[in-house]
Amino acid sequence: NNSQNENLKIFKKALDKNKVKRPIIKNILKSFLVGGLISLIAQGFLDLYSKVFDLDKDISTSLMSITLVFIASFLTGMGVFDKIGEFSGAGTFIPITGFSNSLTSAAMESKSEGLVLGIGANIFKLAGSVILYGIVSVYIFGLIRILIMGG
């Protein structure tokens, strides 16, 4: 039993010695800056569509979303979005760009299997759980709101 405890101490010491030290503050800052930059770009497109092209707020918002989806998909296809994600971590997880990236990468991964059995069957492979739990959580929070506020 003493030898087991001694071996365990040696093992823990070796683990601690070789443990990867993560720069948490640095990672948080990179994530915050990249996420903020994506949001700033989104605001720029929103201002472009609403102020320069003088479009309605709802139309401008839709066009901004479509533009971000296109850019994220294009960057995913070119292999750039993954590099941005590696650098920033959760900074690219802003819902619309992260969702676009997950759909595009799943489609690219399964394109060799054909349109129906490949892309069609696998495009929501990564995003499906996000959609599912998004719907479930909205339903639960909606029920809670109805119970608390009464309709």
N, C-alpha and C. Protein backbone atom coordinates (compact mmCIF):
# COMPACT_ATOMS: atom_id res chain seq x y z
N ASN A 1 0.83 -1.20 0.00
CA ASN A 1 0.00 0.00 0.00
C ASN A 1 0.87 1.26 0.00
N ASN A 2 1.99 1.22 0.76
CA ASN A 2 2.92 2.36 0.77
C ASN A 2 3.56 2.55 -0.59
N SER A 3 3.89 1.45 -1.24
CA SER A 3 4.51 1.56 -2.56
C SER A 3 3.52 2.13 -3.58
N GLN A 4 2.24 1.80 -3.42
CA GLN A 4 1.22 2.37 -4.32
C GLN A 4 1.11 3.88 -4.10
N ASN A 5 1.11 4.31 -2.85
CA ASN A 5 1.04 5.74 -2.55
C ASN A 5 2.27 6.46 -3.08
N GLU A 6 3.42 5.82 -2.94
CA GLU A 6 4.67 6.41 -3.42
C GLU A 6 4.65 6.52 -4.95
N ASN A 7 4.19 5.46 -5.61
CA ASN A 7 4.07 5.49 -7.07
C ASN A 7 3.07 6.56 -7.53
N LEU A 8 2.00 6.69 -6.78
CA LEU A 8 0.99 7.71 -7.10
C LEU A 8 1.58 9.11 -6.97
N LYS A 9 2.38 9.34 -5.94
CA LYS A 9 3.02 10.64 -5.75
C LYS A 9 4.00 10.93 -6.89
N ILE A 10 4.76 9.92 -7.29
CA ILE A 10 5.71 10.08 -8.41
C ILE A 10 4.95 10.39 -9.69
N PHE A 11 3.85 9.67 -9.90
CA PHE A 11 3.03 9.89 -11.09
C PHE A 11 2.44 11.30 -11.11
N LYS A 12 1.91 11.76 -9.99
CA LYS A 12 1.34 13.11 -9.91
C LYS A 12 2.41 14.17 -10.13
N LYS A 13 3.61 13.92 -9.59
CA LYS A 13 4.72 14.86 -9.77
C LYS A 13 5.10 14.95 -11.25
N ALA A 14 5.14 13.80 -11.93
CA ALA A 14 5.46 13.79 -13.36
C ALA A 14 4.37 14.50 -14.17
N LEU A 15 3.12 14.29 -13.80
CA LEU A 15 2.01 14.98 -14.47
C LEU A 15 2.12 16.50 -14.30
N ASP A 16 2.36 16.93 -13.07
CA ASP A 16 2.48 18.36 -12.80
C ASP A 16 3.65 18.98 -13.55
N LYS A 17 4.74 18.23 -13.66
CA LYS A 17 5.94 18.73 -14.33
C LYS A 17 5.69 18.92 -15.83
N ASN A 18 4.92 18.02 -16.42
CA ASN A 18 4.68 18.05 -17.86
C ASN A 18 3.34 18.68 -18.26
N LYS A 19 2.66 19.23 -17.30
CA LYS A 19 1.35 19.83 -17.55
C LYS A 19 1.48 21.07 -18.45
N VAL A 20 0.61 21.14 -19.43
CA VAL A 20 0.61 22.28 -20.35
C VAL A 20 -0.01 23.47 -19.62
N LYS A 21 0.72 24.56 -19.58
CA LYS A 21 0.21 25.77 -18.92
C LYS A 21 -0.48 26.62 -19.98
N ARG A 22 -1.76 26.86 -19.77
CA ARG A 22 -2.54 27.63 -20.73
C ARG A 22 -2.59 29.08 -20.31
N PRO A 23 -2.28 29.96 -21.24
CA PRO A 23 -2.35 31.40 -20.93
C PRO A 23 -3.81 31.88 -20.98
N ILE A 24 -4.52 31.71 -19.89
CA ILE A 24 -5.95 31.97 -19.85
C ILE A 24 -6.29 33.41 -20.20
N ILE A 25 -5.62 34.36 -19.60
CA ILE A 25 -5.90 35.78 -19.86
C ILE A 25 -5.64 36.11 -21.33
N LYS A 26 -4.55 35.62 -21.87
CA LYS A 26 -4.21 35.86 -23.27
C LYS A 26 -5.29 35.27 -24.19
N ASN A 27 -5.73 34.05 -23.88
CA ASN A 27 -6.78 33.41 -24.68
C ASN A 27 -8.10 34.17 -24.60
N ILE A 28 -8.44 34.65 -23.43
CA ILE A 28 -9.67 35.42 -23.26
C ILE A 28 -9.60 36.70 -24.08
N LEU A 29 -8.46 37.37 -24.03
CA LEU A 29 -8.31 38.62 -24.79
C LEU A 29 -8.40 38.37 -26.30
N LYS A 30 -7.75 37.31 -26.78
CA LYS A 30 -7.81 37.01 -28.22
C LYS A 30 -9.24 36.68 -28.63
N SER A 31 -9.94 35.93 -27.82
CA SER A 31 -11.31 35.57 -28.11
C SER A 31 -12.21 36.81 -28.13
N PHE A 32 -12.03 37.66 -27.14
CA PHE A 32 -12.81 38.89 -27.05
C PHE A 32 -12.54 39.81 -28.24
N LEU A 33 -11.28 39.95 -28.61
CA LEU A 33 -10.93 40.84 -29.72
C LEU A 33 -11.46 40.33 -31.06
N VAL A 34 -11.32 39.04 -31.32
CA VAL A 34 -11.81 38.50 -32.60
C VAL A 34 -13.34 38.53 -32.63
N GLY A 35 -13.99 38.14 -31.55
CA GLY A 35 -15.45 38.22 -31.49
C GLY A 35 -15.93 39.66 -31.65
N GLY A 36 -15.22 40.59 -31.03
CA GLY A 36 -15.56 42.00 -31.18
C GLY A 36 -15.34 42.50 -32.59
N LEU A 37 -14.28 42.03 -33.23
CA LEU A 37 -14.01 42.42 -34.62
C LEU A 37 -15.09 41.90 -35.55
N ILE A 38 -15.53 40.65 -35.35
CA ILE A 38 -16.63 40.11 -36.16
C ILE A 38 -17.89 40.95 -35.94
N SER A 39 -18.16 41.31 -34.71
CA SER A 39 -19.34 42.14 -34.41
C SER A 39 -19.22 43.53 -35.03
N LEU A 40 -18.02 44.07 -35.02
CA LEU A 40 -17.77 45.38 -35.63
C LEU A 40 -17.99 45.31 -37.15
N ILE A 41 -17.52 44.26 -37.76
CA ILE A 41 -17.74 44.07 -39.20
C ILE A 41 -19.23 43.94 -39.49
N ALA A 42 -19.93 43.19 -38.66
CA ALA A 42 -21.39 43.05 -38.82
C ALA A 42 -22.08 44.41 -38.72
N GLN A 43 -21.67 45.21 -37.74
CA GLN A 43 -22.26 46.54 -37.59
C GLN A 43 -21.94 47.41 -38.80
N GLY A 44 -20.74 47.26 -39.36
CA GLY A 44 -20.37 48.00 -40.56
C GLY A 44 -21.28 47.66 -41.73
N PHE A 45 -21.56 46.36 -41.92
CA PHE A 45 -22.47 45.96 -42.99
C PHE A 45 -23.89 46.46 -42.71
N LEU A 46 -24.31 46.41 -41.46
CA LEU A 46 -25.64 46.91 -41.11
C LEU A 46 -25.76 48.40 -41.43
N ASP A 47 -24.74 49.17 -41.07
CA ASP A 47 -24.73 50.61 -41.38
C ASP A 47 -24.68 50.85 -42.88
N LEU A 48 -23.89 50.05 -43.59
CA LEU A 48 -23.80 50.18 -45.04
C LEU A 48 -25.17 49.99 -45.69
N TYR A 49 -25.85 48.93 -45.30
CA TYR A 49 -27.15 48.64 -45.91
C TYR A 49 -28.23 49.63 -45.49
N SER A 50 -28.21 50.05 -44.22
CA SER A 50 -29.28 50.93 -43.74
C SER A 50 -29.03 52.40 -44.04
N LYS A 51 -27.80 52.84 -43.94
CA LYS A 51 -27.52 54.27 -44.10
C LYS A 51 -27.06 54.64 -45.51
N VAL A 52 -26.17 53.84 -46.08
CA VAL A 52 -25.66 54.17 -47.41
C VAL A 52 -26.70 53.81 -48.48
N PHE A 53 -27.25 52.60 -48.38
CA PHE A 53 -28.24 52.17 -49.36
C PHE A 53 -29.67 52.54 -48.97
N ASP A 54 -29.83 53.13 -47.78
CA ASP A 54 -31.12 53.62 -47.29
C ASP A 54 -32.20 52.55 -47.31
N LEU A 55 -31.85 51.36 -46.81
CA LEU A 55 -32.80 50.26 -46.76
C LEU A 55 -33.46 50.19 -45.39
N ASP A 56 -34.62 49.56 -45.34
CA ASP A 56 -35.37 49.36 -44.11
C ASP A 56 -34.52 48.58 -43.10
N LYS A 57 -34.76 48.78 -41.81
CA LYS A 57 -33.97 48.13 -40.76
C LYS A 57 -34.04 46.61 -40.86
N ASP A 58 -35.23 46.05 -41.08
CA ASP A 58 -35.37 44.60 -41.18
C ASP A 58 -34.63 44.04 -42.39
N ILE A 59 -34.72 44.72 -43.51
CA ILE A 59 -34.02 44.27 -44.72
C ILE A 59 -32.51 44.39 -44.52
N SER A 60 -32.07 45.48 -43.91
CA SER A 60 -30.64 45.67 -43.65
C SER A 60 -30.10 44.58 -42.73
N THR A 61 -30.87 44.23 -41.71
CA THR A 61 -30.46 43.18 -40.77
C THR A 61 -30.36 41.84 -41.49
N SER A 62 -31.33 41.54 -42.33
CA SER A 62 -31.30 40.29 -43.08
C SER A 62 -30.10 40.24 -44.03
N LEU A 63 -29.86 41.34 -44.73
CA LEU A 63 -28.71 41.38 -45.65
C LEU A 63 -27.39 41.26 -44.91
N MET A 64 -27.30 41.88 -43.74
CA MET A 64 -26.08 41.76 -42.94
C MET A 64 -25.86 40.31 -42.53
N SER A 65 -26.92 39.62 -42.11
CA SER A 65 -26.80 38.21 -41.71
C SER A 65 -26.38 37.35 -42.90
N ILE A 66 -27.00 37.59 -44.05
CA ILE A 66 -26.65 36.83 -45.25
C ILE A 66 -25.19 37.07 -45.63
N THR A 67 -24.75 38.31 -45.53
CA THR A 67 -23.36 38.65 -45.85
C THR A 67 -22.39 37.93 -44.92
N LEU A 68 -22.69 37.92 -43.62
CA LEU A 68 -21.81 37.24 -42.67
C LEU A 68 -21.78 35.74 -42.91
N VAL A 69 -22.92 35.14 -43.24
CA VAL A 69 -22.97 33.72 -43.54
C VAL A 69 -22.11 33.42 -44.77
N PHE A 70 -22.24 34.27 -45.81
CA PHE A 70 -21.45 34.08 -47.02
C PHE A 70 -19.96 34.18 -46.73
N ILE A 71 -19.57 35.22 -46.01
CA ILE A 71 -18.14 35.43 -45.72
C ILE A 71 -17.58 34.27 -44.90
N ALA A 72 -18.32 33.83 -43.87
CA ALA A 72 -17.85 32.72 -43.04
C ALA A 72 -17.76 31.44 -43.85
N SER A 73 -18.74 31.19 -44.72
CA SER A 73 -18.70 29.99 -45.56
C SER A 73 -17.52 30.05 -46.54
N PHE A 74 -17.33 31.20 -47.14
CA PHE A 74 -16.22 31.37 -48.08
C PHE A 74 -14.89 31.17 -47.38
N LEU A 75 -14.72 31.79 -46.22
CA LEU A 75 -13.47 31.64 -45.47
C LEU A 75 -13.26 30.21 -45.00
N THR A 76 -14.35 29.51 -44.68
CA THR A 76 -14.24 28.09 -44.31
C THR A 76 -13.77 27.28 -45.50
N GLY A 77 -14.36 27.54 -46.65
CA GLY A 77 -13.96 26.83 -47.87
C GLY A 77 -12.51 27.06 -48.25
N MET A 78 -12.01 28.25 -47.96
CA MET A 78 -10.62 28.58 -48.28
C MET A 78 -9.64 28.13 -47.19
N GLY A 79 -10.16 27.61 -46.08
CA GLY A 79 -9.32 27.15 -44.99
C GLY A 79 -8.86 28.25 -44.05
N VAL A 80 -9.40 29.45 -44.21
CA VAL A 80 -8.98 30.59 -43.40
C VAL A 80 -9.74 30.64 -42.06
N PHE A 81 -11.02 30.30 -42.09
CA PHE A 81 -11.83 30.39 -40.88
C PHE A 81 -11.28 29.49 -39.78
N ASP A 82 -10.80 28.30 -40.16
CA ASP A 82 -10.23 27.40 -39.16
C ASP A 82 -9.00 28.00 -38.50
N LYS A 83 -8.18 28.70 -39.29
CA LYS A 83 -6.98 29.34 -38.73
C LYS A 83 -7.37 30.47 -37.77
N ILE A 84 -8.41 31.21 -38.14
CA ILE A 84 -8.91 32.26 -37.25
C ILE A 84 -9.42 31.63 -35.96
N GLY A 85 -10.13 30.50 -36.10
CA GLY A 85 -10.65 29.79 -34.93
C GLY A 85 -9.55 29.24 -34.04
N GLU A 86 -8.48 28.74 -34.64
CA GLU A 86 -7.35 28.25 -33.85
C GLU A 86 -6.71 29.39 -33.06
N PHE A 87 -6.65 30.57 -33.68
CA PHE A 87 -6.05 31.72 -33.01
C PHE A 87 -6.94 32.23 -31.88
N SER A 88 -8.23 32.36 -32.16
CA SER A 88 -9.11 33.05 -31.22
C SER A 88 -9.92 32.15 -30.32
N GLY A 89 -9.96 30.86 -30.59
CA GLY A 89 -10.77 29.97 -29.77
C GLY A 89 -12.24 30.27 -29.93
N ALA A 90 -12.89 30.62 -28.84
CA ALA A 90 -14.33 30.87 -28.85
C ALA A 90 -14.71 32.19 -29.52
N GLY A 91 -13.74 32.98 -29.93
CA GLY A 91 -14.04 34.27 -30.54
C GLY A 91 -14.82 34.16 -31.85
N THR A 92 -14.69 33.03 -32.54
CA THR A 92 -15.42 32.84 -33.79
C THR A 92 -16.75 32.14 -33.57
N PHE A 93 -17.10 31.93 -32.32
CA PHE A 93 -18.31 31.19 -31.99
C PHE A 93 -19.55 32.07 -31.98
N ILE A 94 -19.43 33.29 -32.47
CA ILE A 94 -20.59 34.16 -32.60
C ILE A 94 -21.61 33.38 -33.42
N PRO A 95 -22.84 33.28 -32.94
CA PRO A 95 -23.78 32.30 -33.51
C PRO A 95 -23.84 32.21 -35.03
N ILE A 96 -23.95 33.30 -35.73
CA ILE A 96 -24.19 33.18 -37.17
C ILE A 96 -22.95 32.73 -37.93
N THR A 97 -21.77 33.19 -37.54
CA THR A 97 -20.55 32.77 -38.24
C THR A 97 -20.16 31.35 -37.83
N GLY A 98 -20.32 31.02 -36.57
CA GLY A 98 -20.03 29.66 -36.11
C GLY A 98 -20.97 28.64 -36.74
N PHE A 99 -22.24 29.00 -36.86
CA PHE A 99 -23.23 28.13 -37.48
C PHE A 99 -22.89 27.93 -38.96
N SER A 100 -22.55 29.01 -39.64
CA SER A 100 -22.18 28.93 -41.05
C SER A 100 -20.95 28.05 -41.23
N ASN A 101 -19.98 28.22 -40.36
CA ASN A 101 -18.76 27.41 -40.43
C ASN A 101 -19.07 25.93 -40.23
N SER A 102 -19.94 25.61 -39.28
CA SER A 102 -20.24 24.20 -39.01
C SER A 102 -20.99 23.56 -40.19
N LEU A 103 -21.90 24.30 -40.81
CA LEU A 103 -22.61 23.76 -41.97
C LEU A 103 -21.67 23.56 -43.15
N THR A 104 -20.86 24.57 -43.43
CA THR A 104 -19.95 24.50 -44.58
C THR A 104 -18.92 23.40 -44.41
N SER A 105 -18.33 23.29 -43.23
CA SER A 105 -17.30 22.26 -43.03
C SER A 105 -17.90 20.86 -43.11
N ALA A 106 -19.12 20.66 -42.59
CA ALA A 106 -19.77 19.36 -42.70
C ALA A 106 -20.09 19.04 -44.16
N ALA A 107 -20.53 20.04 -44.92
CA ALA A 107 -20.84 19.83 -46.34
C ALA A 107 -19.57 19.50 -47.12
N MET A 108 -18.50 20.21 -46.84
CA MET A 108 -17.24 19.96 -47.55
C MET A 108 -16.69 18.57 -47.23
N GLU A 109 -16.85 18.16 -45.99
CA GLU A 109 -16.33 16.87 -45.55
C GLU A 109 -17.04 15.70 -46.23
N SER A 110 -18.33 15.88 -46.53
CA SER A 110 -19.11 14.77 -47.07
C SER A 110 -19.47 14.93 -48.55
N LYS A 111 -18.89 15.89 -49.24
CA LYS A 111 -19.26 16.14 -50.64
C LYS A 111 -18.89 14.99 -51.56
N SER A 112 -17.88 14.20 -51.22
CA SER A 112 -17.47 13.09 -52.08
C SER A 112 -18.51 11.97 -52.12
N GLU A 113 -19.43 11.97 -51.15
CA GLU A 113 -20.46 10.94 -51.08
C GLU A 113 -21.70 11.31 -51.89
N GLY A 114 -21.71 12.48 -52.51
CA GLY A 114 -22.83 12.89 -53.34
C GLY A 114 -23.71 13.92 -52.67
N LEU A 115 -24.64 14.46 -53.45
CA LEU A 115 -25.50 15.53 -52.95
C LEU A 115 -26.49 15.06 -51.89
N VAL A 116 -27.13 13.90 -52.12
CA VAL A 116 -28.17 13.45 -51.21
C VAL A 116 -27.58 12.72 -50.00
N LEU A 117 -26.86 11.63 -50.25
CA LEU A 117 -26.32 10.82 -49.16
C LEU A 117 -25.10 11.45 -48.51
N GLY A 118 -24.46 12.36 -49.18
CA GLY A 118 -23.29 13.03 -48.62
C GLY A 118 -23.67 14.34 -47.95
N ILE A 119 -23.81 15.36 -48.77
CA ILE A 119 -24.09 16.71 -48.24
C ILE A 119 -25.44 16.76 -47.54
N GLY A 120 -26.49 16.26 -48.22
CA GLY A 120 -27.83 16.33 -47.65
C GLY A 120 -27.97 15.61 -46.32
N ALA A 121 -27.32 14.46 -46.21
CA ALA A 121 -27.44 13.67 -44.99
C ALA A 121 -26.54 14.16 -43.87
N ASN A 122 -25.49 14.88 -44.20
CA ASN A 122 -24.50 15.24 -43.17
C ASN A 122 -24.36 16.73 -42.89
N ILE A 123 -25.07 17.58 -43.61
CA ILE A 123 -24.83 19.02 -43.47
C ILE A 123 -25.15 19.53 -42.06
N PHE A 124 -26.12 18.91 -41.40
CA PHE A 124 -26.48 19.35 -40.06
C PHE A 124 -25.83 18.50 -38.97
N LYS A 125 -24.82 17.72 -39.37
CA LYS A 125 -24.15 16.83 -38.42
C LYS A 125 -23.62 17.60 -37.21
N LEU A 126 -22.94 18.71 -37.46
CA LEU A 126 -22.39 19.51 -36.36
C LEU A 126 -23.42 20.49 -35.80
N ALA A 127 -24.23 21.06 -36.69
CA ALA A 127 -25.16 22.11 -36.27
C ALA A 127 -26.46 21.55 -35.71
N GLY A 128 -26.73 20.28 -35.95
CA GLY A 128 -27.99 19.69 -35.50
C GLY A 128 -28.20 19.79 -34.00
N SER A 129 -27.16 19.53 -33.24
CA SER A 129 -27.29 19.59 -31.78
C SER A 129 -27.54 21.02 -31.32
N VAL A 130 -26.94 21.99 -32.01
CA VAL A 130 -27.18 23.40 -31.67
C VAL A 130 -28.63 23.76 -31.91
N ILE A 131 -29.16 23.32 -33.05
CA ILE A 131 -30.55 23.59 -33.38
C ILE A 131 -31.47 22.91 -32.37
N LEU A 132 -31.21 21.63 -32.10
CA LEU A 132 -32.05 20.88 -31.18
C LEU A 132 -32.11 21.53 -29.80
N TYR A 133 -30.96 21.79 -29.21
CA TYR A 133 -30.94 22.33 -27.86
C TYR A 133 -31.37 23.79 -27.83
N GLY A 134 -31.21 24.49 -28.93
CA GLY A 134 -31.75 25.85 -29.02
C GLY A 134 -33.26 25.83 -28.96
N ILE A 135 -33.88 24.93 -29.71
CA ILE A 135 -35.34 24.82 -29.72
C ILE A 135 -35.85 24.36 -28.36
N VAL A 136 -35.20 23.36 -27.78
CA VAL A 136 -35.63 22.85 -26.48
C VAL A 136 -35.52 23.93 -25.40
N SER A 137 -34.40 24.66 -25.39
CA SER A 137 -34.23 25.69 -24.36
C SER A 137 -35.22 26.84 -24.55
N VAL A 138 -35.51 27.23 -25.79
CA VAL A 138 -36.49 28.28 -26.04
C VAL A 138 -37.87 27.83 -25.55
N TYR A 139 -38.20 26.57 -25.79
CA TYR A 139 -39.48 26.04 -25.34
C TYR A 139 -39.57 26.08 -23.81
N ILE A 140 -38.52 25.63 -23.14
CA ILE A 140 -38.52 25.61 -21.67
C ILE A 140 -38.60 27.02 -21.11
N PHE A 141 -37.78 27.95 -21.65
CA PHE A 141 -37.82 29.33 -21.16
C PHE A 141 -39.15 29.99 -21.47
N GLY A 142 -39.76 29.62 -22.59
CA GLY A 142 -41.09 30.14 -22.92
C GLY A 142 -42.12 29.67 -21.91
N LEU A 143 -42.06 28.40 -21.55
CA LEU A 143 -42.98 27.88 -20.54
C LEU A 143 -42.78 28.57 -19.20
N ILE A 144 -41.53 28.76 -18.81
CA ILE A 144 -41.24 29.44 -17.55
C ILE A 144 -41.79 30.86 -17.58
N ARG A 145 -41.61 31.54 -18.69
CA ARG A 145 -42.11 32.92 -18.81
C ARG A 145 -43.63 32.95 -18.72
N ILE A 146 -44.29 32.01 -19.37
CA ILE A 146 -45.76 31.96 -19.31
C ILE A 146 -46.22 31.70 -17.89
N LEU A 147 -45.54 30.78 -17.19
CA LEU A 147 -45.93 30.47 -15.81
C LEU A 147 -45.69 31.64 -14.87
N ILE A 148 -44.59 32.38 -15.07
CA ILE A 148 -44.26 33.50 -14.20
C ILE A 148 -45.10 34.73 -14.53
N MET A 149 -45.18 35.06 -15.81
CA MET A 149 -45.83 36.31 -16.23
C MET A 149 -47.30 36.10 -16.62
N GLY A 150 -47.68 34.87 -16.80
CA GLY A 150 -49.09 34.61 -17.12
C GLY A 150 -49.50 34.99 -18.52
N GLY A 151 -48.85 34.46 -19.49
CA GLY A 151 -49.30 34.65 -20.87
C GLY A 151 -48.57 35.66 -21.57
